[in-house]
Amino acid sequence: TSFGGLLNALSEAYPAMPEKLLWRLARNYGTRTSMILGGAQTPADLGS
């Protein structure tokens, strides 16, 4: 019931990532979103 809380936590951890990207990743991967984003700070850090 607290998807918004997960999304807020991701937004705080990755402030330079687009909100729409974080929303899609969180909806698809939940808490494993951090396994994808890792140490990336911007979309350019995510590779091709």
All heavy atoms as atom14 arrays in JSON, in Angstrom:
{
  "sequence": "TSFGGLLNALSEAYPAMPEKLLWRLARNYGTRTSMILGGAQTPADLGS",
  "atom14_mask": [
    [1, 1, 1, 1, 1, 1, 1, 0, 0, 0, 0, 0, 0, 0],
    [1, 1, 1, 1, 1, 1, 0, 0, 0, 0, 0, 0, 0, 0],
    [1, 1, 1, 1, 1, 1, 1, 1, 1, 1, 1, 0, 0, 0],
    [1, 1, 1, 1, 0, 0, 0, 0, 0, 0, 0, 0, 0, 0],
    [1, 1, 1, 1, 0, 0, 0, 0, 0, 0, 0, 0, 0, 0],
    [1, 1, 1, 1, 1, 1, 1, 1, 0, 0, 0, 0, 0, 0],
    [1, 1, 1, 1, 1, 1, 1, 1, 0, 0, 0, 0, 0, 0],
    [1, 1, 1, 1, 1, 1, 1, 1, 0, 0, 0, 0, 0, 0],
    [1, 1, 1, 1, 1, 0, 0, 0, 0, 0, 0, 0, 0, 0],
    [1, 1, 1, 1, 1, 1, 1, 1, 0, 0, 0, 0, 0, 0],
    [1, 1, 1, 1, 1, 1, 0, 0, 0, 0, 0, 0, 0, 0],
    [1, 1, 1, 1, 1, 1, 1, 1, 1, 0, 0, 0, 0, 0],
    [1, 1, 1, 1, 1, 0, 0, 0, 0, 0, 0, 0, 0, 0],
    [1, 1, 1, 1, 1, 1, 1, 1, 1, 1, 1, 1, 0, 0],
    [1, 1, 1, 1, 1, 1, 1, 0, 0, 0, 0, 0, 0, 0],
    [1, 1, 1, 1, 1, 0, 0, 0, 0, 0, 0, 0, 0, 0],
    [1, 1, 1, 1, 1, 1, 1, 1, 0, 0, 0, 0, 0, 0],
    [1, 1, 1, 1, 1, 1, 1, 0, 0, 0, 0, 0, 0, 0],
    [1, 1, 1, 1, 1, 1, 1, 1, 1, 0, 0, 0, 0, 0],
    [1, 1, 1, 1, 1, 1, 1, 1, 1, 0, 0, 0, 0, 0],
    [1, 1, 1, 1, 1, 1, 1, 1, 0, 0, 0, 0, 0, 0],
    [1, 1, 1, 1, 1, 1, 1, 1, 0, 0, 0, 0, 0, 0],
    [1, 1, 1, 1, 1, 1, 1, 1, 1, 1, 1, 1, 1, 1],
    [1, 1, 1, 1, 1, 1, 1, 1, 1, 1, 1, 0, 0, 0],
    [1, 1, 1, 1, 1, 1, 1, 1, 0, 0, 0, 0, 0, 0],
    [1, 1, 1, 1, 1, 0, 0, 0, 0, 0, 0, 0, 0, 0],
    [1, 1, 1, 1, 1, 1, 1, 1, 1, 1, 1, 0, 0, 0],
    [1, 1, 1, 1, 1, 1, 1, 1, 0, 0, 0, 0, 0, 0],
    [1, 1, 1, 1, 1, 1, 1, 1, 1, 1, 1, 1, 0, 0],
    [1, 1, 1, 1, 0, 0, 0, 0, 0, 0, 0, 0, 0, 0],
    [1, 1, 1, 1, 1, 1, 1, 0, 0, 0, 0, 0, 0, 0],
    [1, 1, 1, 1, 1, 1, 1, 1, 1, 1, 1, 0, 0, 0],
    [1, 1, 1, 1, 1, 1, 1, 0, 0, 0, 0, 0, 0, 0],
    [1, 1, 1, 1, 1, 1, 0, 0, 0, 0, 0, 0, 0, 0],
    [1, 1, 1, 1, 1, 1, 1, 1, 0, 0, 0, 0, 0, 0],
    [1, 1, 1, 1, 1, 1, 1, 1, 0, 0, 0, 0, 0, 0],
    [1, 1, 1, 1, 1, 1, 1, 1, 0, 0, 0, 0, 0, 0],
    [1, 1, 1, 1, 0, 0, 0, 0, 0, 0, 0, 0, 0, 0],
    [1, 1, 1, 1, 0, 0, 0, 0, 0, 0, 0, 0, 0, 0],
    [1, 1, 1, 1, 1, 0, 0, 0, 0, 0, 0, 0, 0, 0],
    [1, 1, 1, 1, 1, 1, 1, 1, 1, 0, 0, 0, 0, 0],
    [1, 1, 1, 1, 1, 1, 1, 0, 0, 0, 0, 0, 0, 0],
    [1, 1, 1, 1, 1, 1, 1, 0, 0, 0, 0, 0, 0, 0],
    [1, 1, 1, 1, 1, 0, 0, 0, 0, 0, 0, 0, 0, 0],
    [1, 1, 1, 1, 1, 1, 1, 1, 0, 0, 0, 0, 0, 0],
    [1, 1, 1, 1, 1, 1, 1, 1, 0, 0, 0, 0, 0, 0],
    [1, 1, 1, 1, 0, 0, 0, 0, 0, 0, 0, 0, 0, 0],
    [1, 1, 1, 1, 1, 1, 0, 0, 0, 0, 0, 0, 0, 0]
  ],
  "atom14_positions": [
    [[0.82, -1.22, 0.0], [0.0, 0.0, 0.0], [0.84, 1.26, 0.0], [0.3, 2.37, 0.01], [-0.93, 0.02, 1.22], [-0.14, 0.07, 2.42], [-1.82, -1.22, 1.25], [0.0, 0.0, 0.0], [0.0, 0.0, 0.0], [0.0, 0.0, 0.0], [0.0, 0.0, 0.0], [0.0, 0.0, 0.0], [0.0, 0.0, 0.0], [0.0, 0.0, 0.0]],
    [[2.17, 1.12, 0.01], [3.03, 2.3, 0.1], [4.03, 2.36, -1.05], [5.22, 2.59, -0.85], [3.77, 2.32, 1.44], [4.6, 1.17, 1.57], [0.0, 0.0, 0.0], [0.0, 0.0, 0.0], [0.0, 0.0, 0.0], [0.0, 0.0, 0.0], [0.0, 0.0, 0.0], [0.0, 0.0, 0.0], [0.0, 0.0, 0.0], [0.0, 0.0, 0.0]],
    [[3.52, 2.15, -2.27], [4.38, 2.29, -3.43], [4.98, 3.7, -3.49], [6.13, 3.88, -3.88], [3.59, 2.02, -4.71], [4.37, 2.26, -5.98], [5.34, 1.36, -6.4], [4.14, 3.39, -6.75], [6.07, 1.58, -7.56], [4.86, 3.61, -7.92], [5.82, 2.7, -8.32], [0.0, 0.0, 0.0], [0.0, 0.0, 0.0], [0.0, 0.0, 0.0]],
    [[4.2, 4.68, -3.07], [4.7, 6.05, -3.05], [5.93, 6.19, -2.18], [6.85, 6.95, -2.5], [0.0, 0.0, 0.0], [0.0, 0.0, 0.0], [0.0, 0.0, 0.0], [0.0, 0.0, 0.0], [0.0, 0.0, 0.0], [0.0, 0.0, 0.0], [0.0, 0.0, 0.0], [0.0, 0.0, 0.0], [0.0, 0.0, 0.0], [0.0, 0.0, 0.0]],
    [[5.96, 5.45, -1.07], [7.13, 5.51, -0.19], [8.36, 4.95, -0.87], [9.47, 5.49, -0.74], [0.0, 0.0, 0.0], [0.0, 0.0, 0.0], [0.0, 0.0, 0.0], [0.0, 0.0, 0.0], [0.0, 0.0, 0.0], [0.0, 0.0, 0.0], [0.0, 0.0, 0.0], [0.0, 0.0, 0.0], [0.0, 0.0, 0.0], [0.0, 0.0, 0.0]],
    [[8.2, 3.83, -1.6], [9.32, 3.25, -2.34], [9.81, 4.23, -3.39], [11.02, 4.44, -3.56], [8.88, 1.94, -3.0], [9.88, 1.31, -3.98], [11.15, 0.89, -3.25], [9.25, 0.1, -4.67], [0.0, 0.0, 0.0], [0.0, 0.0, 0.0], [0.0, 0.0, 0.0], [0.0, 0.0, 0.0], [0.0, 0.0, 0.0], [0.0, 0.0, 0.0]],
    [[8.87, 4.85, -4.11], [9.25, 5.8, -5.15], [9.96, 7.02, -4.57], [10.95, 7.51, -5.12], [8.0, 6.23, -5.93], [8.22, 7.02, -7.22], [9.1, 6.23, -8.18], [6.89, 7.34, -7.88], [0.0, 0.0, 0.0], [0.0, 0.0, 0.0], [0.0, 0.0, 0.0], [0.0, 0.0, 0.0], [0.0, 0.0, 0.0], [0.0, 0.0, 0.0]],
    [[9.5, 7.5, -3.42], [10.15, 8.64, -2.77], [11.57, 8.29, -2.36], [12.5, 9.11, -2.5], [9.35, 9.09, -1.55], [8.06, 9.78, -1.92], [7.93, 10.3, -3.03], [7.09, 9.79, -1.01], [0.0, 0.0, 0.0], [0.0, 0.0, 0.0], [0.0, 0.0, 0.0], [0.0, 0.0, 0.0], [0.0, 0.0, 0.0], [0.0, 0.0, 0.0]],
    [[11.76, 7.08, -1.85], [13.1, 6.65, -1.44], [14.04, 6.6, -2.64], [15.22, 7.01, -2.55], [13.03, 5.3, -0.75], [0.0, 0.0, 0.0], [0.0, 0.0, 0.0], [0.0, 0.0, 0.0], [0.0, 0.0, 0.0], [0.0, 0.0, 0.0], [0.0, 0.0, 0.0], [0.0, 0.0, 0.0], [0.0, 0.0, 0.0], [0.0, 0.0, 0.0]],
    [[13.55, 6.11, -3.76], [14.37, 6.06, -4.97], [14.67, 7.47, -5.47], [15.79, 7.75, -5.93], [13.65, 5.26, -6.06], [13.59, 3.75, -5.84], [12.65, 3.09, -6.84], [14.98, 3.12, -5.95], [0.0, 0.0, 0.0], [0.0, 0.0, 0.0], [0.0, 0.0, 0.0], [0.0, 0.0, 0.0], [0.0, 0.0, 0.0], [0.0, 0.0, 0.0]],
    [[13.7, 8.36, -5.39], [13.91, 9.74, -5.83], [14.97, 10.44, -4.98], [15.78, 11.22, -5.49], [12.6, 10.52, -5.77], [11.66, 9.99, -6.66], [0.0, 0.0, 0.0], [0.0, 0.0, 0.0], [0.0, 0.0, 0.0], [0.0, 0.0, 0.0], [0.0, 0.0, 0.0], [0.0, 0.0, 0.0], [0.0, 0.0, 0.0], [0.0, 0.0, 0.0]],
    [[14.99, 10.14, -3.69], [16.0, 10.73, -2.8], [17.37, 10.14, -3.08], [18.39, 10.85, -3.03], [15.61, 10.49, -1.35], [14.38, 11.28, -0.91], [13.98, 10.97, 0.51], [14.7, 10.18, 1.18], [12.95, 11.49, 0.97], [0.0, 0.0, 0.0], [0.0, 0.0, 0.0], [0.0, 0.0, 0.0], [0.0, 0.0, 0.0], [0.0, 0.0, 0.0]],
    [[17.43, 8.84, -3.39], [18.71, 8.19, -3.66], [19.26, 8.56, -5.04], [20.48, 8.57, -5.25], [18.57, 6.68, -3.54], [0.0, 0.0, 0.0], [0.0, 0.0, 0.0], [0.0, 0.0, 0.0], [0.0, 0.0, 0.0], [0.0, 0.0, 0.0], [0.0, 0.0, 0.0], [0.0, 0.0, 0.0], [0.0, 0.0, 0.0], [0.0, 0.0, 0.0]],
    [[18.34, 8.84, -5.99], [18.75, 9.15, -7.37], [18.06, 10.43, -7.82], [17.21, 10.42, -8.72], [18.37, 7.99, -8.3], [19.0, 6.66, -7.91], [18.29, 5.74, -7.13], [20.29, 6.34, -8.31], [18.88, 4.53, -6.76], [20.88, 5.14, -7.96], [20.16, 4.24, -7.17], [20.75, 3.04, -6.82], [0.0, 0.0, 0.0], [0.0, 0.0, 0.0]],
    [[18.42, 11.57, -7.24], [17.71, 12.83, -7.51], [17.82, 13.3, -8.96], [16.96, 14.07, -9.42], [18.36, 13.82, -6.54], [19.72, 13.23, -6.24], [19.51, 11.76, -6.26], [0.0, 0.0, 0.0], [0.0, 0.0, 0.0], [0.0, 0.0, 0.0], [0.0, 0.0, 0.0], [0.0, 0.0, 0.0], [0.0, 0.0, 0.0], [0.0, 0.0, 0.0]],
    [[18.85, 12.89, -9.68], [19.03, 13.35, -11.06], [18.37, 12.43, -12.08], [18.43, 12.69, -13.29], [20.52, 13.51, -11.38], [0.0, 0.0, 0.0], [0.0, 0.0, 0.0], [0.0, 0.0, 0.0], [0.0, 0.0, 0.0], [0.0, 0.0, 0.0], [0.0, 0.0, 0.0], [0.0, 0.0, 0.0], [0.0, 0.0, 0.0], [0.0, 0.0, 0.0]],
    [[17.77, 11.34, -11.62], [17.08, 10.42, -12.53], [15.67, 10.94, -12.82], [14.98, 11.41, -11.9], [17.0, 9.01, -11.93], [18.31, 8.28, -11.86], [18.94, 7.85, -13.51], [20.46, 6.99, -13.04], [0.0, 0.0, 0.0], [0.0, 0.0, 0.0], [0.0, 0.0, 0.0], [0.0, 0.0, 0.0], [0.0, 0.0, 0.0], [0.0, 0.0, 0.0]],
    [[15.22, 10.86, -14.06], [13.86, 11.32, -14.39], [12.81, 10.57, -13.57], [12.9, 9.35, -13.38], [13.73, 11.0, -15.88], [15.13, 10.93, -16.38], [15.95, 10.39, -15.25], [0.0, 0.0, 0.0], [0.0, 0.0, 0.0], [0.0, 0.0, 0.0], [0.0, 0.0, 0.0], [0.0, 0.0, 0.0], [0.0, 0.0, 0.0], [0.0, 0.0, 0.0]],
    [[11.82, 11.3, -13.1], [10.77, 10.69, -12.27], [10.03, 9.6, -13.02], [9.69, 8.56, -12.44], [9.79, 11.77, -11.82], [8.7, 11.25, -10.91], [7.75, 12.34, -10.45], [8.06, 13.52, -10.69], [6.69, 11.99, -9.86], [0.0, 0.0, 0.0], [0.0, 0.0, 0.0], [0.0, 0.0, 0.0], [0.0, 0.0, 0.0], [0.0, 0.0, 0.0]],
    [[9.79, 9.8, -14.31], [9.05, 8.81, -15.09], [9.84, 7.5, -15.2], [9.26, 6.41, -15.15], [8.74, 9.36, -16.49], [7.66, 8.59, -17.22], [7.21, 9.33, -18.47], [6.04, 8.59, -19.13], [5.53, 9.32, -20.32], [0.0, 0.0, 0.0], [0.0, 0.0, 0.0], [0.0, 0.0, 0.0], [0.0, 0.0, 0.0], [0.0, 0.0, 0.0]],
    [[11.17, 7.59, -15.32], [12.0, 6.39, -15.37], [11.95, 5.65, -14.04], [11.78, 4.43, -14.0], [13.44, 6.76, -15.72], [14.48, 5.63, -15.59], [14.17, 4.49, -16.55], [15.89, 6.16, -15.82], [0.0, 0.0, 0.0], [0.0, 0.0, 0.0], [0.0, 0.0, 0.0], [0.0, 0.0, 0.0], [0.0, 0.0, 0.0], [0.0, 0.0, 0.0]],
    [[12.1, 6.4, -12.95], [12.06, 5.76, -11.63], [10.71, 5.1, -11.38], [10.65, 4.0, -10.81], [12.36, 6.8, -10.54], [13.78, 7.34, -10.5], [13.91, 8.39, -9.39], [14.8, 6.22, -10.28], [0.0, 0.0, 0.0], [0.0, 0.0, 0.0], [0.0, 0.0, 0.0], [0.0, 0.0, 0.0], [0.0, 0.0, 0.0], [0.0, 0.0, 0.0]],
    [[9.63, 5.75, -11.83], [8.3, 5.17, -11.64], [8.19, 3.83, -12.37], [7.72, 2.85, -11.81], [7.24, 6.14, -12.16], [5.83, 5.73, -11.88], [5.06, 6.11, -10.82], [5.01, 4.83, -12.66], [3.81, 5.53, -10.89], [3.75, 4.74, -12.01], [5.21, 4.13, -13.84], [2.71, 3.96, -12.51], [4.17, 3.34, -14.33], [2.94, 3.26, -13.67]],
    [[8.63, 3.8, -13.63], [8.53, 2.56, -14.4], [9.39, 1.45, -13.8], [8.96, 0.3, -13.67], [8.94, 2.79, -15.86], [8.77, 1.54, -16.72], [9.2, 1.76, -18.15], [10.62, 1.99, -18.28], [11.54, 1.01, -18.28], [11.18, -0.25, -18.1], [12.82, 1.3, -18.42], [0.0, 0.0, 0.0], [0.0, 0.0, 0.0], [0.0, 0.0, 0.0]],
    [[10.62, 1.79, -13.42], [11.5, 0.78, -12.83], [10.93, 0.25, -11.53], [10.95, -0.96, -11.27], [12.9, 1.36, -12.61], [13.7, 1.73, -13.87], [15.04, 2.34, -13.49], [13.92, 0.5, -14.76], [0.0, 0.0, 0.0], [0.0, 0.0, 0.0], [0.0, 0.0, 0.0], [0.0, 0.0, 0.0], [0.0, 0.0, 0.0], [0.0, 0.0, 0.0]],
    [[10.41, 1.14, -10.7], [9.85, 0.71, -9.41], [8.63, -0.17, -9.62], [8.43, -1.16, -8.9], [9.5, 1.93, -8.56], [0.0, 0.0, 0.0], [0.0, 0.0, 0.0], [0.0, 0.0, 0.0], [0.0, 0.0, 0.0], [0.0, 0.0, 0.0], [0.0, 0.0, 0.0], [0.0, 0.0, 0.0], [0.0, 0.0, 0.0], [0.0, 0.0, 0.0]],
    [[7.8, 0.16, -10.61], [6.61, -0.65, -10.87], [6.98, -2.04, -11.4], [6.27, -3.01, -11.15], [5.72, 0.05, -11.9], [5.03, 1.29, -11.39], [3.92, 0.99, -10.42], [2.77, 0.37, -11.05], [1.64, 0.08, -10.42], [1.53, 0.35, -9.13], [0.63, -0.49, -11.06], [0.0, 0.0, 0.0], [0.0, 0.0, 0.0], [0.0, 0.0, 0.0]],
    [[8.07, -2.13, -12.13], [8.49, -3.41, -12.71], [9.36, -4.23, -11.76], [9.24, -5.45, -11.72], [9.26, -3.17, -14.01], [8.35, -2.97, -15.19], [7.9, -3.92, -15.82], [8.07, -1.72, -15.51], [0.0, 0.0, 0.0], [0.0, 0.0, 0.0], [0.0, 0.0, 0.0], [0.0, 0.0, 0.0], [0.0, 0.0, 0.0], [0.0, 0.0, 0.0]],
    [[10.24, -3.58, -11.02], [11.27, -4.3, -10.27], [11.21, -4.09, -8.77], [11.97, -4.74, -8.03], [12.66, -3.9, -10.79], [12.8, -4.03, -12.28], [12.84, -2.91, -13.1], [12.87, -5.29, -12.88], [12.95, -3.03, -14.48], [12.97, -5.42, -14.27], [13.01, -4.28, -15.05], [13.13, -4.4, -16.42], [0.0, 0.0, 0.0], [0.0, 0.0, 0.0]],
    [[10.36, -3.21, -8.29], [10.24, -2.98, -6.86], [11.57, -2.6, -6.23], [12.31, -1.76, -6.74], [0.0, 0.0, 0.0], [0.0, 0.0, 0.0], [0.0, 0.0, 0.0], [0.0, 0.0, 0.0], [0.0, 0.0, 0.0], [0.0, 0.0, 0.0], [0.0, 0.0, 0.0], [0.0, 0.0, 0.0], [0.0, 0.0, 0.0], [0.0, 0.0, 0.0]],
    [[11.89, -3.27, -5.12], [13.11, -2.93, -4.38], [14.37, -3.33, -5.15], [15.47, -2.91, -4.79], [13.11, -3.61, -3.01], [12.97, -5.03, -3.19], [11.97, -3.11, -2.16], [0.0, 0.0, 0.0], [0.0, 0.0, 0.0], [0.0, 0.0, 0.0], [0.0, 0.0, 0.0], [0.0, 0.0, 0.0], [0.0, 0.0, 0.0], [0.0, 0.0, 0.0]],
    [[14.22, -4.13, -6.21], [15.39, -4.53, -6.99], [15.79, -3.47, -8.01], [16.75, -3.65, -8.76], [15.14, -5.87, -7.68], [14.92, -6.99, -6.68], [15.16, -8.36, -7.22], [15.13, -9.33, -6.14], [15.57, -10.57, -6.24], [16.05, -11.02, -7.39], [15.52, -11.39, -5.21], [0.0, 0.0, 0.0], [0.0, 0.0, 0.0], [0.0, 0.0, 0.0]],
    [[15.07, -2.37, -8.03], [15.45, -1.25, -8.9], [16.88, -0.82, -8.62], [17.63, -0.48, -9.54], [14.48, -0.07, -8.69], [13.17, -0.48, -9.07], [14.89, 1.12, -9.53], [0.0, 0.0, 0.0], [0.0, 0.0, 0.0], [0.0, 0.0, 0.0], [0.0, 0.0, 0.0], [0.0, 0.0, 0.0], [0.0, 0.0, 0.0], [0.0, 0.0, 0.0]],
    [[17.29, -0.87, -7.36], [18.66, -0.45, -7.01], [19.7, -1.38, -7.61], [20.86, -0.98, -7.8], [18.82, -0.4, -5.49], [18.53, -1.66, -4.9], [0.0, 0.0, 0.0], [0.0, 0.0, 0.0], [0.0, 0.0, 0.0], [0.0, 0.0, 0.0], [0.0, 0.0, 0.0], [0.0, 0.0, 0.0], [0.0, 0.0, 0.0], [0.0, 0.0, 0.0]],
    [[19.33, -2.64, -7.92], [20.27, -3.55, -8.57], [20.55, -3.08, -10.0], [21.61, -3.37, -10.56], [19.71, -4.97, -8.58], [19.59, -5.61, -7.22], [18.79, -7.25, -7.26], [19.96, -8.19, -8.26], [0.0, 0.0, 0.0], [0.0, 0.0, 0.0], [0.0, 0.0, 0.0], [0.0, 0.0, 0.0], [0.0, 0.0, 0.0], [0.0, 0.0, 0.0]],
    [[19.58, -2.41, -10.61], [19.76, -1.89, -11.97], [20.5, -0.56, -11.94], [21.46, -0.35, -12.7], [18.38, -1.71, -12.64], [17.68, -3.06, -12.78], [18.52, -1.02, -14.0], [16.25, -2.95, -13.25], [0.0, 0.0, 0.0], [0.0, 0.0, 0.0], [0.0, 0.0, 0.0], [0.0, 0.0, 0.0], [0.0, 0.0, 0.0], [0.0, 0.0, 0.0]],
    [[20.08, 0.32, -11.05], [20.67, 1.66, -11.03], [22.07, 1.67, -10.42], [22.93, 2.43, -10.85], [19.75, 2.61, -10.27], [18.36, 2.8, -10.88], [17.52, 3.73, -10.0], [18.46, 3.36, -12.29], [0.0, 0.0, 0.0], [0.0, 0.0, 0.0], [0.0, 0.0, 0.0], [0.0, 0.0, 0.0], [0.0, 0.0, 0.0], [0.0, 0.0, 0.0]],
    [[22.3, 0.83, -9.41], [23.62, 0.76, -8.8], [24.13, 2.12, -8.38], [23.45, 2.89, -7.72], [0.0, 0.0, 0.0], [0.0, 0.0, 0.0], [0.0, 0.0, 0.0], [0.0, 0.0, 0.0], [0.0, 0.0, 0.0], [0.0, 0.0, 0.0], [0.0, 0.0, 0.0], [0.0, 0.0, 0.0], [0.0, 0.0, 0.0], [0.0, 0.0, 0.0]],
    [[25.34, 2.45, -8.83], [25.94, 3.73, -8.47], [25.67, 4.83, -9.48], [26.24, 5.93, -9.38], [0.0, 0.0, 0.0], [0.0, 0.0, 0.0], [0.0, 0.0, 0.0], [0.0, 0.0, 0.0], [0.0, 0.0, 0.0], [0.0, 0.0, 0.0], [0.0, 0.0, 0.0], [0.0, 0.0, 0.0], [0.0, 0.0, 0.0], [0.0, 0.0, 0.0]],
    [[24.81, 4.6, -10.44], [24.51, 5.6, -11.46], [23.81, 6.8, -10.83], [23.01, 6.66, -9.9], [23.63, 5.0, -12.55], [0.0, 0.0, 0.0], [0.0, 0.0, 0.0], [0.0, 0.0, 0.0], [0.0, 0.0, 0.0], [0.0, 0.0, 0.0], [0.0, 0.0, 0.0], [0.0, 0.0, 0.0], [0.0, 0.0, 0.0], [0.0, 0.0, 0.0]],
    [[24.08, 7.97, -11.36], [23.44, 9.18, -10.88], [22.57, 9.84, -11.94], [21.6, 10.52, -11.63], [24.5, 10.18, -10.37], [25.2, 9.71, -9.1], [24.24, 9.44, -7.95], [23.39, 10.28, -7.62], [24.35, 8.27, -7.32], [0.0, 0.0, 0.0], [0.0, 0.0, 0.0], [0.0, 0.0, 0.0], [0.0, 0.0, 0.0], [0.0, 0.0, 0.0]],
    [[22.91, 9.63, -13.21], [22.14, 10.2, -14.31], [21.88, 9.11, -15.34], [22.55, 8.07, -15.34], [22.91, 11.35, -14.99], [24.06, 10.81, -15.68], [23.37, 12.39, -13.96], [0.0, 0.0, 0.0], [0.0, 0.0, 0.0], [0.0, 0.0, 0.0], [0.0, 0.0, 0.0], [0.0, 0.0, 0.0], [0.0, 0.0, 0.0], [0.0, 0.0, 0.0]],
    [[20.92, 9.32, -16.25], [20.69, 8.32, -17.3], [21.93, 7.99, -18.11], [22.1, 6.86, -18.55], [19.6, 8.97, -18.16], [18.85, 9.84, -17.21], [19.91, 10.39, -16.28], [0.0, 0.0, 0.0], [0.0, 0.0, 0.0], [0.0, 0.0, 0.0], [0.0, 0.0, 0.0], [0.0, 0.0, 0.0], [0.0, 0.0, 0.0], [0.0, 0.0, 0.0]],
    [[22.81, 8.95, -18.28], [24.04, 8.71, -19.05], [24.92, 7.66, -18.38], [25.71, 6.98, -19.05], [24.81, 10.01, -19.22], [0.0, 0.0, 0.0], [0.0, 0.0, 0.0], [0.0, 0.0, 0.0], [0.0, 0.0, 0.0], [0.0, 0.0, 0.0], [0.0, 0.0, 0.0], [0.0, 0.0, 0.0], [0.0, 0.0, 0.0], [0.0, 0.0, 0.0]],
    [[24.78, 7.52, -17.06], [25.57, 6.53, -16.33], [25.05, 5.1, -16.5], [25.68, 4.15, -16.05], [25.59, 6.86, -14.83], [26.2, 8.21, -14.53], [27.1, 8.63, -15.29], [25.76, 8.85, -13.55], [0.0, 0.0, 0.0], [0.0, 0.0, 0.0], [0.0, 0.0, 0.0], [0.0, 0.0, 0.0], [0.0, 0.0, 0.0], [0.0, 0.0, 0.0]],
    [[23.89, 4.95, -17.15], [23.26, 3.64, -17.3], [23.69, 2.92, -18.57], [23.17, 1.86, -18.89], [21.73, 3.79, -17.28], [21.14, 4.34, -15.98], [19.65, 4.56, -16.13], [21.43, 3.39, -14.81], [0.0, 0.0, 0.0], [0.0, 0.0, 0.0], [0.0, 0.0, 0.0], [0.0, 0.0, 0.0], [0.0, 0.0, 0.0], [0.0, 0.0, 0.0]],
    [[24.63, 3.51, -19.32], [25.14, 2.85, -20.52], [24.34, 3.19, -21.76], [23.6, 4.17, -21.8], [0.0, 0.0, 0.0], [0.0, 0.0, 0.0], [0.0, 0.0, 0.0], [0.0, 0.0, 0.0], [0.0, 0.0, 0.0], [0.0, 0.0, 0.0], [0.0, 0.0, 0.0], [0.0, 0.0, 0.0], [0.0, 0.0, 0.0], [0.0, 0.0, 0.0]],
    [[24.49, 2.37, -22.78], [23.86, 2.62, -24.08], [22.36, 2.81, -23.94], [21.69, 2.15, -23.14], [24.13, 1.44, -25.03], [25.51, 1.25, -25.21], [0.0, 0.0, 0.0], [0.0, 0.0, 0.0], [0.0, 0.0, 0.0], [0.0, 0.0, 0.0], [0.0, 0.0, 0.0], [0.0, 0.0, 0.0], [0.0, 0.0, 0.0], [0.0, 0.0, 0.0]]
  ]
}
